[in-house]
Protein backbone atom coordinates (compact mmCIF):
# COMPACT_ATOMS: atom_id res chain seq x y z
CA UNK A 1 3.61 15.00 14.32
CA UNK A 2 1.84 13.50 12.53
CA UNK A 3 -0.28 16.21 12.37
CA UNK A 4 2.06 18.23 10.59
CA UNK A 5 2.61 15.69 8.34
CA UNK A 6 -0.97 15.30 7.29
CA UNK A 7 -1.40 18.68 6.68
CA UNK A 8 2.69 19.12 4.52
CA UNK A 9 0.79 15.91 1.88
CA UNK A 10 -1.99 17.66 1.81
CA UNK A 11 -0.23 20.96 -0.08
CA UNK A 12 2.36 18.53 -2.13
CA UNK A 13 0.24 15.51 -3.13
CA UNK A 14 -3.46 17.11 -2.05
CA UNK A 15 -4.62 13.85 -0.24
CA UNK A 16 -4.40 14.63 4.08
CA UNK A 17 -2.62 11.82 4.11
CA UNK A 18 -2.10 10.02 7.58
CA UNK A 19 -1.31 6.06 5.82
CA UNK A 20 0.65 5.37 3.29
CA UNK A 21 1.33 2.04 0.66
CA UNK A 22 4.57 1.36 -0.94
CA UNK A 23 3.50 1.85 -4.97
CA UNK A 24 5.70 -0.99 -5.98
CA UNK A 25 7.62 -3.60 -3.91
CA UNK A 26 10.78 -2.04 -2.25
CA UNK A 27 11.10 -3.93 0.45
CA UNK A 28 15.48 -5.27 -0.70
CA UNK A 29 16.02 -0.71 -0.36
CA UNK A 30 13.10 -0.10 3.00
CA UNK A 31 12.57 -2.81 4.35
CA UNK A 32 8.62 -2.45 4.44
CA UNK A 33 6.23 -4.95 2.40
CA UNK A 34 4.53 -4.45 -0.76
CA UNK A 35 -0.12 -3.68 0.10
CA UNK A 36 0.64 -3.14 3.69
CA UNK A 37 -0.82 1.09 4.67
CA UNK A 38 1.92 2.17 6.64
CA UNK A 39 0.88 4.68 9.61
CA UNK A 40 2.34 8.09 8.73
CA UNK A 41 4.45 9.98 11.73
CA UNK A 42 6.06 12.13 10.78
CA UNK A 43 7.79 13.86 7.79
CA UNK A 44 11.12 16.57 6.48
CA UNK A 45 9.92 18.75 3.68
CA UNK A 46 13.74 19.16 2.25
CA UNK A 47 14.45 15.80 1.05
CA UNK A 48 10.32 15.05 0.73
CA UNK A 49 10.21 11.91 2.36
CA UNK A 50 8.04 9.77 5.11
CA UNK A 51 8.80 8.36 8.19
CA UNK A 52 6.21 5.24 8.73
CA UNK A 53 5.59 2.60 10.68
CA UNK A 54 7.20 1.70 14.21
CA UNK A 55 10.24 0.81 11.91
CA UNK A 56 10.73 4.76 11.22
CA UNK A 57 11.57 4.00 7.59
CA UNK A 58 11.88 7.69 6.31
CA UNK A 59 10.83 7.09 2.83
CA UNK A 60 10.09 10.04 -0.79
CA UNK A 61 6.95 10.93 -1.05
CA UNK A 62 7.26 10.16 -4.91
CA UNK A 63 7.23 6.23 -4.37
CA UNK A 64 4.01 5.84 -2.05
CA UNK A 65 0.33 6.54 -2.46
CA UNK A 66 -1.70 8.52 0.31
CA UNK A 67 -5.39 7.62 2.04
CA UNK A 68 -6.68 9.86 5.20
CA UNK A 69 -7.78 7.47 7.17
CA UNK A 70 -6.91 3.69 8.87
CA UNK A 71 -7.06 1.05 5.89
CA UNK A 72 -10.56 -0.81 5.51
CA UNK A 73 -10.31 -3.32 2.50
CA UNK A 74 -8.45 -5.87 1.87
CA UNK A 75 -5.84 -4.55 -0.58
CA UNK A 76 -5.35 -6.92 -4.01
CA UNK A 77 -2.29 -6.91 -6.65
CA UNK A 78 -0.59 -9.40 -9.07
CA UNK A 79 3.47 -9.90 -8.67
CA UNK A 80 5.21 -9.33 -11.94
CA UNK A 81 5.60 -7.92 -14.68
CA UNK A 82 3.98 -4.88 -14.72
CA UNK A 83 4.35 -4.85 -18.65
CA UNK A 84 2.10 -7.28 -18.69
CA UNK A 85 -2.20 -6.87 -18.74
CA UNK A 86 -3.79 -8.17 -15.23
CA UNK A 87 -5.56 -10.87 -17.18
CA UNK A 88 -2.10 -12.52 -17.95
CA UNK A 89 -0.02 -12.30 -14.53
CA UNK A 90 -0.29 -15.01 -13.02
CA UNK A 91 0.36 -14.36 -9.65
CA UNK A 92 -2.42 -12.51 -7.43
CA UNK A 93 -1.94 -11.47 -3.80
CA UNK A 94 -4.43 -10.21 -1.05
CA UNK A 95 -3.45 -7.89 2.44
CA UNK A 96 -5.64 -8.02 4.87
CA UNK A 97 -6.07 -4.11 6.43
CA UNK A 98 -3.40 -5.86 8.98
CA UNK A 99 -1.06 -6.82 6.85
CA UNK A 100 -1.54 -11.11 6.14
CA UNK A 101 -0.82 -12.08 3.16
CA UNK A 102 -2.44 -14.34 1.56
CA UNK A 103 -2.06 -15.76 -2.30
CA UNK A 104 -5.11 -15.76 -4.41
CA UNK A 105 -3.73 -18.61 -7.09
CA UNK A 106 -4.12 -17.11 -10.95
CA UNK A 107 -6.61 -15.42 -10.64
CA UNK A 108 -8.11 -12.16 -8.49
CA UNK A 109 -11.20 -12.85 -6.17
CA UNK A 110 -14.18 -13.27 -8.42
CA UNK A 111 -16.65 -12.44 -4.81
CA UNK A 112 -17.13 -9.02 -2.92
CA UNK A 113 -15.66 -10.49 0.24
CA UNK A 114 -12.66 -11.64 1.38
CA UNK A 115 -11.49 -13.29 5.10
CA UNK A 116 -8.71 -13.13 6.09
CA UNK A 117 -8.65 -16.71 7.86
CA UNK A 118 -5.47 -15.72 9.85
CA UNK A 119 -7.66 -12.87 11.60
CA UNK A 120 -10.78 -14.37 10.38
CA UNK A 121 -12.28 -11.07 9.60
CA UNK A 122 -14.03 -10.57 5.94
CA UNK A 123 -13.06 -7.41 4.17
CA UNK A 124 -13.96 -6.17 1.03
CA UNK A 125 -11.27 -5.62 -1.55
CA UNK A 126 -9.64 -3.38 -3.63
CA UNK A 127 -7.41 -3.85 -6.94
CA UNK A 128 -3.71 -1.70 -6.62
CA UNK A 129 -3.39 -0.53 -10.09
CA UNK A 130 0.04 -0.09 -10.87
CA UNK A 131 1.19 3.61 -11.29
CA UNK A 132 2.52 4.70 -14.40
CA UNK A 133 6.66 4.00 -14.61
CA UNK A 134 6.00 1.15 -12.11
CA UNK A 135 8.84 -1.48 -12.92
């Protein structure tokens, strides 16, 4: 089922999606957390939704980012008002590929790698840029 979802997503969004992440924090509606890549389990073409993760949460594709391969980088993002410029945000957060959350403080990481204290692994990181219309 996941393979057919990946092919369908290629037609819809131009990515052979096998993993998806929320574009913005929507945990109250979906139960999913921002900054975590979830495996795509299946899809429903008519409402344009995919089913994610072990919780089997159905989410419309317009609320998601997609990637083909398993995530290997820590996602770094700033919590707060997306209308602000990145240098004005004060609460930076990192989530390793295994989903461990780390508070970074008032600035993004200065080094190219972040060590996750929970899984004791070093990961490169990527900044999650807000999408147009993110709130």
